[in-house]
Amino acid sequence: MLKKPRLLFLFVLFLFSAIGHACSVVYYMDPGTGKIYVANNEDYWYDVDAYIQIVPKSKKELARLWYGWDNFAQGGINEAGLFFDGAVTPEQPRIKGSKKIKGNLGDDILATCKTVQDAIALIEKRKIALPDAHIMFGDATGNAVVVEWLDGEQKIIPIRNNRLVMTNFLLADPTRGNHPCPRYNAIQKNLETLEKNKDSISFLKAANTISNAVQIPNADKEGRTGGTLYSTFINISDMELILVYQLDNKKMSKLNLQSEFDRPKGRKIALNSL
């Protein structure tokens, strides 16, 4: 059983033109221990019925866990330690020959891919090219990339200095919009502070690098509330997951991923029930 963590959220209000489309993702490998941590703020509308979906392994598919809504994975991890998450970017012209996403792409990736290279190969085989989003893939070997599509070409941004951060601007060309990004800068600064500290790096400390990149709930002109819908923290090395719903530490799900993946039957966890 996982010990109950104390996530120290530092709430900082960032103003965005679109309340529901500002996300932050970080993949980090501790240079001292080699342990791999992932953290994500999923910023979206609060009225969606978000949930965690756990799917058991089968003869042809890997066990996996993903989180999202409307039968579509926004992010997740599988038993091999492959992680993915996506974020909206400034819209670019559609790439010629690319195909629209059909079905639940994230679930398909987690069901069949074990590494970053496997995931890239799958989206290339399906001719996936997103004109308004990029995807981060990271695996248990310490490899991570962000895949983007720009000027008719696929761009792959690799991990550098044991970290990879993604928000809502195109890393391949920040001048296309949403840059400079205060959330991106805050996360990078937190990672630098984390490594300068002489104390050992823990799951909690790595998780808190995105704590001041959250988006506080705010209503638009029509009264619809958006903000950080949930934050996820994954220790890929030790197969642990923590999810905090709507910035409320009392609404938390803590899962031992290995135990979940060993279950013969899957299960669904509604986040509004936490």
C-alpha atoms as a PDB file:
ATOM      1  CA  MET A   1       0.000   0.000   0.000  1.00  0.00           C
ATOM      2  CA  LEU A   2       1.255   3.470  -0.857  1.00  0.00           C
ATOM      3  CA  LYS A   3       1.823   5.872   1.963  1.00  0.00           C
ATOM      4  CA  LYS A   4      -0.448   8.900   1.909  1.00  0.00           C
ATOM      5  CA  PRO A   5       1.527  11.729   0.303  1.00  0.00           C
ATOM      6  CA  ARG A   6       1.370  15.371   1.162  1.00  0.00           C
ATOM      7  CA  LEU A   7       1.278  17.292  -2.083  1.00  0.00           C
ATOM      8  CA  LEU A   8       2.186  20.887  -1.423  1.00  0.00           C
ATOM      9  CA  PHE A   9       0.411  22.774  -4.168  1.00  0.00           C
ATOM     10  CA  LEU A  10       1.553  26.379  -4.563  1.00  0.00           C
ATOM     11  CA  PHE A  11      -1.356  28.019  -6.308  1.00  0.00           C
ATOM     12  CA  VAL A  12      -0.304  30.606  -8.865  1.00  0.00           C
ATOM     13  CA  LEU A  13      -2.893  32.180 -11.134  1.00  0.00           C
ATOM     14  CA  PHE A  14      -1.902  32.251 -14.778  1.00  0.00           C
ATOM     15  CA  LEU A  15      -4.203  33.975 -17.241  1.00  0.00           C
ATOM     16  CA  PHE A  16      -4.831  32.226 -20.536  1.00  0.00           C
ATOM     17  CA  SER A  17      -6.965  33.099 -23.514  1.00  0.00           C
ATOM     18  CA  ALA A  18      -8.634  29.674 -23.367  1.00  0.00           C
ATOM     19  CA  ILE A  19      -9.391  28.401 -19.872  1.00  0.00           C
ATOM     20  CA  GLY A  20      -9.771  24.791 -20.875  1.00  0.00           C
ATOM     21  CA  HIS A  21      -6.631  24.225 -22.916  1.00  0.00           C
ATOM     22  CA  ALA A  22      -3.521  24.868 -20.829  1.00  0.00           C
ATOM     23  CA  CYS A  23      -1.666  21.694 -19.801  1.00  0.00           C
ATOM     24  CA  SER A  24       1.770  20.956 -18.359  1.00  0.00           C
ATOM     25  CA  VAL A  25       3.749  17.713 -18.583  1.00  0.00           C
ATOM     26  CA  VAL A  26       7.201  16.789 -17.284  1.00  0.00           C
ATOM     27  CA  TYR A  27       9.291  13.611 -17.619  1.00  0.00           C
ATOM     28  CA  TYR A  28      12.290  13.528 -15.303  1.00  0.00           C
ATOM     29  CA  MET A  29      15.027  10.997 -14.585  1.00  0.00           C
ATOM     30  CA  ASP A  30      16.899  11.404 -11.294  1.00  0.00           C
ATOM     31  CA  PRO A  31      20.586  11.516 -12.301  1.00  0.00           C
ATOM     32  CA  GLY A  32      21.554  10.054  -8.934  1.00  0.00           C
ATOM     33  CA  THR A  33      19.262   7.040  -8.688  1.00  0.00           C
ATOM     34  CA  GLY A  34      18.071   6.634 -12.269  1.00  0.00           C
ATOM     35  CA  LYS A  35      14.454   6.619 -11.106  1.00  0.00           C
ATOM     36  CA  ILE A  36      11.952   8.053 -13.559  1.00  0.00           C
ATOM     37  CA  TYR A  37       9.083  10.344 -12.616  1.00  0.00           C
ATOM     38  CA  VAL A  38       6.285  11.877 -14.653  1.00  0.00           C
ATOM     39  CA  ALA A  39       3.906  14.674 -13.656  1.00  0.00           C
ATOM     40  CA  ASN A  40       1.001  16.269 -15.495  1.00  0.00           C
ATOM     41  CA  ASN A  41      -1.581  18.990 -14.976  1.00  0.00           C
ATOM     42  CA  GLU A  42      -4.620  18.336 -17.163  1.00  0.00           C
ATOM     43  CA  ASP A  43      -6.341  21.697 -17.542  1.00  0.00           C
ATOM     44  CA  TYR A  44      -9.856  21.497 -18.883  1.00  0.00           C
ATOM     45  CA  TRP A  45     -13.527  22.161 -18.137  1.00  0.00           C
ATOM     46  CA  TYR A  46     -14.726  20.983 -14.737  1.00  0.00           C
ATOM     47  CA  ASP A  47     -18.068  19.681 -15.998  1.00  0.00           C
ATOM     48  CA  VAL A  48     -16.634  16.714 -17.930  1.00  0.00           C
ATOM     49  CA  ASP A  49     -17.003  13.235 -16.432  1.00  0.00           C
ATOM     50  CA  ALA A  50     -13.325  12.347 -16.146  1.00  0.00           C
ATOM     51  CA  TYR A  51     -12.208   8.923 -14.975  1.00  0.00           C
ATOM     52  CA  ILE A  52      -9.349   6.451 -14.661  1.00  0.00           C
ATOM     53  CA  GLN A  53      -9.681   3.361 -16.856  1.00  0.00           C
ATOM     54  CA  ILE A  54      -7.660   0.248 -16.026  1.00  0.00           C
ATOM     55  CA  VAL A  55      -7.554  -2.497 -18.676  1.00  0.00           C
ATOM     56  CA  PRO A  56      -6.166  -5.982 -17.865  1.00  0.00           C
ATOM     57  CA  LYS A  57      -3.588  -7.702 -20.029  1.00  0.00           C
ATOM     58  CA  SER A  58      -4.556 -10.311 -22.590  1.00  0.00           C
ATOM     59  CA  LYS A  59      -2.739 -12.571 -25.020  1.00  0.00           C
ATOM     60  CA  LYS A  60      -2.344  -9.751 -27.510  1.00  0.00           C
ATOM     61  CA  GLU A  61      -2.525  -6.601 -25.355  1.00  0.00           C
ATOM     62  CA  LEU A  62      -0.566  -5.098 -22.481  1.00  0.00           C
ATOM     63  CA  ALA A  63      -2.213  -4.141 -19.215  1.00  0.00           C
ATOM     64  CA  ARG A  64      -2.648  -0.389 -19.053  1.00  0.00           C
ATOM     65  CA  LEU A  65      -4.113   2.552 -17.194  1.00  0.00           C
ATOM     66  CA  TRP A  66      -5.310   5.743 -18.783  1.00  0.00           C
ATOM     67  CA  TYR A  67      -7.181   8.828 -17.681  1.00  0.00           C
ATOM     68  CA  GLY A  68      -9.538  10.982 -19.708  1.00  0.00           C
ATOM     69  CA  TRP A  69     -13.214  11.219 -20.638  1.00  0.00           C
ATOM     70  CA  ASP A  70     -15.676  10.256 -23.364  1.00  0.00           C
ATOM     71  CA  ASN A  71     -13.852   6.968 -23.999  1.00  0.00           C
ATOM     72  CA  PHE A  72     -10.693   8.791 -25.051  1.00  0.00           C
ATOM     73  CA  ALA A  73      -7.351   8.547 -23.271  1.00  0.00           C
ATOM     74  CA  GLN A  74      -5.756  11.914 -22.563  1.00  0.00           C
ATOM     75  CA  GLY A  75      -2.715  10.242 -20.989  1.00  0.00           C
ATOM     76  CA  GLY A  76      -1.635   7.032 -19.311  1.00  0.00           C
ATOM     77  CA  ILE A  77       0.908   4.271 -18.712  1.00  0.00           C
ATOM     78  CA  ASN A  78       1.166   0.532 -19.382  1.00  0.00           C
ATOM     79  CA  GLU A  79       2.805  -2.438 -17.680  1.00  0.00           C
ATOM     80  CA  ALA A  80       5.974  -2.007 -19.757  1.00  0.00           C
ATOM     81  CA  GLY A  81       6.429   1.502 -18.353  1.00  0.00           C
ATOM     82  CA  LEU A  82       5.492   3.384 -21.516  1.00  0.00           C
ATOM     83  CA  PHE A  83       3.857   6.728 -20.728  1.00  0.00           C
ATOM     84  CA  PHE A  84       2.148   9.272 -22.946  1.00  0.00           C
ATOM     85  CA  ASP A  85       0.303  12.557 -22.651  1.00  0.00           C
ATOM     86  CA  GLY A  86      -0.762  15.296 -25.039  1.00  0.00           C
ATOM     87  CA  ALA A  87      -1.248  19.056 -25.032  1.00  0.00           C
ATOM     88  CA  VAL A  88      -2.880  21.566 -27.338  1.00  0.00           C
ATOM     89  CA  THR A  89      -0.622  23.780 -29.486  1.00  0.00           C
ATOM     90  CA  PRO A  90      -1.199  26.691 -31.888  1.00  0.00           C
ATOM     91  CA  GLU A  91      -2.989  25.315 -34.924  1.00  0.00           C
ATOM     92  CA  GLN A  92      -0.915  24.611 -38.023  1.00  0.00           C
ATOM     93  CA  PRO A  93      -1.971  23.679 -41.579  1.00  0.00           C
ATOM     94  CA  ARG A  94      -3.030  20.046 -41.913  1.00  0.00           C
ATOM     95  CA  ILE A  95      -0.246  17.810 -43.169  1.00  0.00           C
ATOM     96  CA  LYS A  96      -0.972  16.312 -46.569  1.00  0.00           C
ATOM     97  CA  GLY A  97      -1.668  12.592 -46.422  1.00  0.00           C
ATOM     98  CA  SER A  98      -2.303  12.518 -42.693  1.00  0.00           C
ATOM     99  CA  LYS A  99      -5.377  10.781 -41.330  1.00  0.00           C
ATOM    100  CA  LYS A 100      -7.805  11.768 -38.612  1.00  0.00           C
ATOM    101  CA  ILE A 101      -7.663   9.885 -35.341  1.00  0.00           C
ATOM    102  CA  LYS A 102     -10.171   7.051 -35.233  1.00  0.00           C
ATOM    103  CA  GLY A 103     -11.138   5.346 -32.004  1.00  0.00           C
ATOM    104  CA  ASN A 104      -9.087   5.629 -28.835  1.00  0.00           C
ATOM    105  CA  LEU A 105      -5.536   6.238 -30.060  1.00  0.00           C
ATOM    106  CA  GLY A 106      -3.988   6.473 -26.585  1.00  0.00           C
ATOM    107  CA  ASP A 107      -5.454   3.145 -25.534  1.00  0.00           C
ATOM    108  CA  ASP A 108      -4.207   1.537 -28.754  1.00  0.00           C
ATOM    109  CA  ILE A 109      -0.683   2.839 -28.106  1.00  0.00           C
ATOM    110  CA  LEU A 110      -0.613   1.587 -24.518  1.00  0.00           C
ATOM    111  CA  ALA A 111      -2.108  -1.774 -25.515  1.00  0.00           C
ATOM    112  CA  THR A 112       0.551  -2.597 -28.098  1.00  0.00           C
ATOM    113  CA  CYS A 113       3.693  -0.491 -27.542  1.00  0.00           C
ATOM    114  CA  LYS A 114       6.480  -1.021 -24.999  1.00  0.00           C
ATOM    115  CA  THR A 115       8.924   1.749 -25.877  1.00  0.00           C
ATOM    116  CA  VAL A 116       9.057   5.272 -27.248  1.00  0.00           C
ATOM    117  CA  GLN A 117      10.207   3.931 -30.605  1.00  0.00           C
ATOM    118  CA  ASP A 118       7.266   1.513 -30.715  1.00  0.00           C
ATOM    119  CA  ALA A 119       4.868   4.409 -30.136  1.00  0.00           C
ATOM    120  CA  ILE A 120       6.460   6.559 -32.841  1.00  0.00           C
ATOM    121  CA  ALA A 121       6.280   3.648 -35.259  1.00  0.00           C
ATOM    122  CA  LEU A 122       2.576   3.171 -34.550  1.00  0.00           C
ATOM    123  CA  ILE A 123       1.590   6.781 -35.194  1.00  0.00           C
ATOM    124  CA  GLU A 124       3.713   6.816 -38.344  1.00  0.00           C
ATOM    125  CA  LYS A 125       2.071   3.607 -39.569  1.00  0.00           C
ATOM    126  CA  ARG A 126      -1.368   5.136 -39.011  1.00  0.00           C
ATOM    127  CA  LYS A 127      -0.236   8.395 -40.645  1.00  0.00           C
ATOM    128  CA  ILE A 128      -1.181  10.431 -37.581  1.00  0.00           C
ATOM    129  CA  ALA A 129      -0.180  14.086 -37.738  1.00  0.00           C
ATOM    130  CA  LEU A 130      -1.893  16.488 -35.357  1.00  0.00           C
ATOM    131  CA  PRO A 131      -2.196  20.098 -36.553  1.00  0.00           C
ATOM    132  CA  ASP A 132      -3.164  21.453 -33.132  1.00  0.00           C
ATOM    133  CA  ALA A 133      -1.398  19.302 -30.520  1.00  0.00           C
ATOM    134  CA  HIS A 134       1.832  17.541 -29.600  1.00  0.00           C
ATOM    135  CA  ILE A 135       2.436  14.276 -27.733  1.00  0.00           C
ATOM    136  CA  MET A 136       5.014  13.273 -25.155  1.00  0.00           C
ATOM    137  CA  PHE A 137       6.170   9.660 -24.964  1.00  0.00           C
ATOM    138  CA  GLY A 138       8.453   8.361 -22.237  1.00  0.00           C
ATOM    139  CA  ASP A 139       9.463   4.854 -21.241  1.00  0.00           C
ATOM    140  CA  ALA A 140      11.155   2.881 -18.477  1.00  0.00           C
ATOM    141  CA  THR A 141      14.587   3.046 -20.138  1.00  0.00           C
ATOM    142  CA  GLY A 142      14.965   6.807 -19.652  1.00  0.00           C
ATOM    143  CA  ASN A 143      14.053   7.668 -23.230  1.00  0.00           C
ATOM    144  CA  ALA A 144      11.482  10.406 -23.836  1.00  0.00           C
ATOM    145  CA  VAL A 145      10.452  12.585 -26.775  1.00  0.00           C
ATOM    146  CA  VAL A 146       7.852  15.139 -27.757  1.00  0.00           C
ATOM    147  CA  VAL A 147       6.395  14.567 -31.215  1.00  0.00           C
ATOM    148  CA  GLU A 148       5.153  17.629 -33.110  1.00  0.00           C
ATOM    149  CA  TRP A 149       4.007  18.392 -36.642  1.00  0.00           C
ATOM    150  CA  LEU A 150       5.161  21.605 -38.233  1.00  0.00           C
ATOM    151  CA  ASP A 151       5.401  22.896 -41.821  1.00  0.00           C
ATOM    152  CA  GLY A 152       4.368  19.549 -43.227  1.00  0.00           C
ATOM    153  CA  GLU A 153       6.959  17.569 -41.294  1.00  0.00           C
ATOM    154  CA  GLN A 154       7.125  15.497 -38.145  1.00  0.00           C
ATOM    155  CA  LYS A 155       9.451  16.974 -35.530  1.00  0.00           C
ATOM    156  CA  ILE A 156      10.880  14.872 -32.703  1.00  0.00           C
ATOM    157  CA  ILE A 157      12.281  16.710 -29.684  1.00  0.00           C
ATOM    158  CA  PRO A 158      14.365  14.355 -27.501  1.00  0.00           C
ATOM    159  CA  ILE A 159      15.003  14.460 -23.770  1.00  0.00           C
ATOM    160  CA  ARG A 160      18.035  16.523 -22.760  1.00  0.00           C
ATOM    161  CA  ASN A 161      19.815  16.754 -19.432  1.00  0.00           C
ATOM    162  CA  ASN A 162      17.534  14.022 -17.992  1.00  0.00           C
ATOM    163  CA  ARG A 163      14.360  16.131 -18.351  1.00  0.00           C
ATOM    164  CA  LEU A 164      11.665  16.954 -20.878  1.00  0.00           C
ATOM    165  CA  VAL A 165       8.962  19.570 -20.329  1.00  0.00           C
ATOM    166  CA  MET A 166       5.934  20.255 -22.511  1.00  0.00           C
ATOM    167  CA  THR A 167       3.197  22.882 -22.213  1.00  0.00           C
ATOM    168  CA  ASN A 168       1.260  24.529 -25.041  1.00  0.00           C
ATOM    169  CA  PHE A 169       3.818  26.007 -27.411  1.00  0.00           C
ATOM    170  CA  LEU A 170       5.662  24.170 -30.154  1.00  0.00           C
ATOM    171  CA  LEU A 171       9.119  23.259 -28.894  1.00  0.00           C
ATOM    172  CA  ALA A 172      10.377  23.061 -32.478  1.00  0.00           C
ATOM    173  CA  ASP A 173       9.375  26.685 -33.089  1.00  0.00           C
ATOM    174  CA  PRO A 174       8.186  28.700 -30.056  1.00  0.00           C
ATOM    175  CA  THR A 175       7.481  31.730 -32.258  1.00  0.00           C
ATOM    176  CA  ARG A 176       4.276  30.064 -33.523  1.00  0.00           C
ATOM    177  CA  GLY A 177       2.406  31.126 -30.360  1.00  0.00           C
ATOM    178  CA  ASN A 178       1.779  30.565 -26.627  1.00  0.00           C
ATOM    179  CA  HIS A 179       5.366  31.571 -25.852  1.00  0.00           C
ATOM    180  CA  PRO A 180       6.889  32.654 -23.559  1.00  0.00           C
ATOM    181  CA  CYS A 181       5.038  30.312 -21.198  1.00  0.00           C
ATOM    182  CA  PRO A 182       5.213  31.069 -17.443  1.00  0.00           C
ATOM    183  CA  ARG A 183       4.245  27.481 -16.577  1.00  0.00           C
ATOM    184  CA  TYR A 184       7.083  26.048 -18.663  1.00  0.00           C
ATOM    185  CA  ASN A 185       9.565  28.468 -17.090  1.00  0.00           C
ATOM    186  CA  ALA A 186       8.283  27.699 -13.583  1.00  0.00           C
ATOM    187  CA  ILE A 187       8.722  23.943 -14.079  1.00  0.00           C
ATOM    188  CA  GLN A 188      12.230  24.338 -15.478  1.00  0.00           C
ATOM    189  CA  LYS A 189      13.184  26.543 -12.539  1.00  0.00           C
ATOM    190  CA  ASN A 190      11.755  24.024 -10.080  1.00  0.00           C
ATOM    191  CA  LEU A 191      13.738  21.210 -11.705  1.00  0.00           C
ATOM    192  CA  GLU A 192      16.934  23.225 -11.472  1.00  0.00           C
ATOM    193  CA  THR A 193      16.262  23.950  -7.791  1.00  0.00           C
ATOM    194  CA  LEU A 194      15.519  20.281  -7.188  1.00  0.00           C
ATOM    195  CA  GLU A 195      18.907  19.238  -8.534  1.00  0.00           C
ATOM    196  CA  LYS A 196      20.829  21.961  -6.692  1.00  0.00           C
ATOM    197  CA  ASN A 197      19.408  20.802  -3.373  1.00  0.00           C
ATOM    198  CA  LYS A 198      21.746  18.361  -1.641  1.00  0.00           C
ATOM    199  CA  ASP A 199      18.854  16.286  -0.306  1.00  0.00           C
ATOM    200  CA  SER A 200      17.892  13.102  -2.132  1.00  0.00           C
ATOM    201  CA  ILE A 201      15.165  13.413  -4.760  1.00  0.00           C
ATOM    202  CA  SER A 202      11.934  11.689  -3.783  1.00  0.00           C
ATOM    203  CA  PHE A 203       8.719  10.960  -5.656  1.00  0.00           C
ATOM    204  CA  LEU A 204       7.025  13.793  -3.765  1.00  0.00           C
ATOM    205  CA  LYS A 205       9.745  16.328  -4.564  1.00  0.00           C
ATOM    206  CA  ALA A 206       9.710  15.402  -8.236  1.00  0.00           C
ATOM    207  CA  ALA A 207       5.903  15.612  -8.297  1.00  0.00           C
ATOM    208  CA  ASN A 208       5.902  19.086  -6.804  1.00  0.00           C
ATOM    209  CA  THR A 209       7.912  20.525  -9.694  1.00  0.00           C
ATOM    210  CA  ILE A 210       4.575  21.209 -11.429  1.00  0.00           C
ATOM    211  CA  SER A 211       2.820  22.517  -8.306  1.00  0.00           C
ATOM    212  CA  ASN A 212       3.042  26.173  -9.274  1.00  0.00           C
ATOM    213  CA  ALA A 213       2.020  25.497 -12.866  1.00  0.00           C
ATOM    214  CA  VAL A 214      -1.577  24.695 -11.982  1.00  0.00           C
ATOM    215  CA  GLN A 215      -4.523  26.712 -13.253  1.00  0.00           C
ATOM    216  CA  ILE A 216      -6.903  27.877 -10.551  1.00  0.00           C
ATOM    217  CA  PRO A 217     -10.623  27.307 -11.326  1.00  0.00           C
ATOM    218  CA  ASN A 218     -12.154  30.230 -13.177  1.00  0.00           C
ATOM    219  CA  ALA A 219     -15.471  30.773 -14.957  1.00  0.00           C
ATOM    220  CA  ASP A 220     -15.817  32.116 -18.490  1.00  0.00           C
ATOM    221  CA  LYS A 221     -18.439  34.607 -19.659  1.00  0.00           C
ATOM    222  CA  GLU A 222     -21.028  31.848 -19.969  1.00  0.00           C
ATOM    223  CA  GLY A 223     -20.369  30.664 -16.426  1.00  0.00           C
ATOM    224  CA  ARG A 224     -18.545  27.470 -17.397  1.00  0.00           C
ATOM    225  CA  THR A 225     -15.704  26.695 -14.983  1.00  0.00           C
ATOM    226  CA  GLY A 226     -12.325  25.474 -16.128  1.00  0.00           C
ATOM    227  CA  GLY A 227      -8.921  24.963 -14.561  1.00  0.00           C
ATOM    228  CA  THR A 228      -6.680  22.097 -13.534  1.00  0.00           C
ATOM    229  CA  LEU A 229      -9.130  19.212 -13.793  1.00  0.00           C
ATOM    230  CA  TYR A 230      -6.643  16.721 -12.366  1.00  0.00           C
ATOM    231  CA  SER A 231      -2.935  16.324 -11.698  1.00  0.00           C
ATOM    232  CA  THR A 232      -1.209  12.998 -12.153  1.00  0.00           C
ATOM    233  CA  PHE A 233       2.102  11.889 -10.681  1.00  0.00           C
ATOM    234  CA  ILE A 234       3.744   8.640 -11.798  1.00  0.00           C
ATOM    235  CA  ASN A 235       6.824   6.889 -10.484  1.00  0.00           C
ATOM    236  CA  ILE A 236       7.582   4.726 -13.517  1.00  0.00           C
ATOM    237  CA  SER A 237      10.486   2.950 -11.823  1.00  0.00           C
ATOM    238  CA  ASP A 238       8.428   1.771  -8.830  1.00  0.00           C
ATOM    239  CA  MET A 239       5.083   1.643 -10.651  1.00  0.00           C
ATOM    240  CA  GLU A 240       3.184   4.075  -8.437  1.00  0.00           C
ATOM    241  CA  LEU A 241       0.496   6.562  -9.437  1.00  0.00           C
ATOM    242  CA  ILE A 242      -1.148   9.424  -7.573  1.00  0.00           C
ATOM    243  CA  LEU A 243      -4.004  11.446  -9.062  1.00  0.00           C
ATOM    244  CA  VAL A 244      -5.405  14.596  -7.447  1.00  0.00           C
ATOM    245  CA  TYR A 245      -8.797  15.778  -8.681  1.00  0.00           C
ATOM    246  CA  GLN A 246      -9.573  19.490  -9.083  1.00  0.00           C
ATOM    247  CA  LEU A 247      -6.630  20.604  -6.902  1.00  0.00           C
ATOM    248  CA  ASP A 248      -8.198  19.042  -3.811  1.00  0.00           C
ATOM    249  CA  ASN A 249      -5.812  16.841  -1.830  1.00  0.00           C
ATOM    250  CA  LYS A 250      -8.827  15.201  -0.213  1.00  0.00           C
ATOM    251  CA  LYS A 251      -9.878  13.932  -3.648  1.00  0.00           C
ATOM    252  CA  MET A 252      -6.927  11.684  -4.304  1.00  0.00           C
ATOM    253  CA  SER A 253      -6.417   8.250  -5.837  1.00  0.00           C
ATOM    254  CA  LYS A 254      -3.223   6.354  -4.943  1.00  0.00           C
ATOM    255  CA  LEU A 255      -2.534   3.187  -6.901  1.00  0.00           C
ATOM    256  CA  ASN A 256       0.124   0.502  -6.969  1.00  0.00           C
ATOM    257  CA  LEU A 257       0.300   0.054 -10.712  1.00  0.00           C
ATOM    258  CA  GLN A 258       1.806  -3.416 -10.625  1.00  0.00           C
ATOM    259  CA  SER A 259      -1.041  -4.646  -8.433  1.00  0.00           C
ATOM    260  CA  GLU A 260      -3.571  -3.021 -10.752  1.00  0.00           C
ATOM    261  CA  PHE A 261      -1.982  -4.561 -13.842  1.00  0.00           C
ATOM    262  CA  ASP A 262      -2.015  -8.003 -12.212  1.00  0.00           C
ATOM    263  CA  ARG A 263      -5.785  -7.908 -11.731  1.00  0.00           C
ATOM    264  CA  PRO A 264      -7.686 -10.357 -13.955  1.00  0.00           C
ATOM    265  CA  LYS A 265     -10.441  -7.798 -14.504  1.00  0.00           C
ATOM    266  CA  GLY A 266     -10.270  -4.119 -15.306  1.00  0.00           C
ATOM    267  CA  ARG A 267     -12.029  -1.334 -13.488  1.00  0.00           C
ATOM    268  CA  LYS A 268     -13.122   2.247 -13.923  1.00  0.00           C
ATOM    269  CA  ILE A 269     -12.678   4.957 -11.269  1.00  0.00           C
ATOM    270  CA  ALA A 270     -14.884   8.044 -11.633  1.00  0.00           C
ATOM    271  CA  LEU A 271     -12.889  11.054 -10.469  1.00  0.00           C
ATOM    272  CA  ASN A 272     -15.963  12.850  -9.124  1.00  0.00           C
ATOM    273  CA  SER A 273     -16.359   9.938  -6.697  1.00  0.00           C
ATOM    274  CA  LEU A 274     -12.958  10.414  -5.041  1.00  0.00           C
END
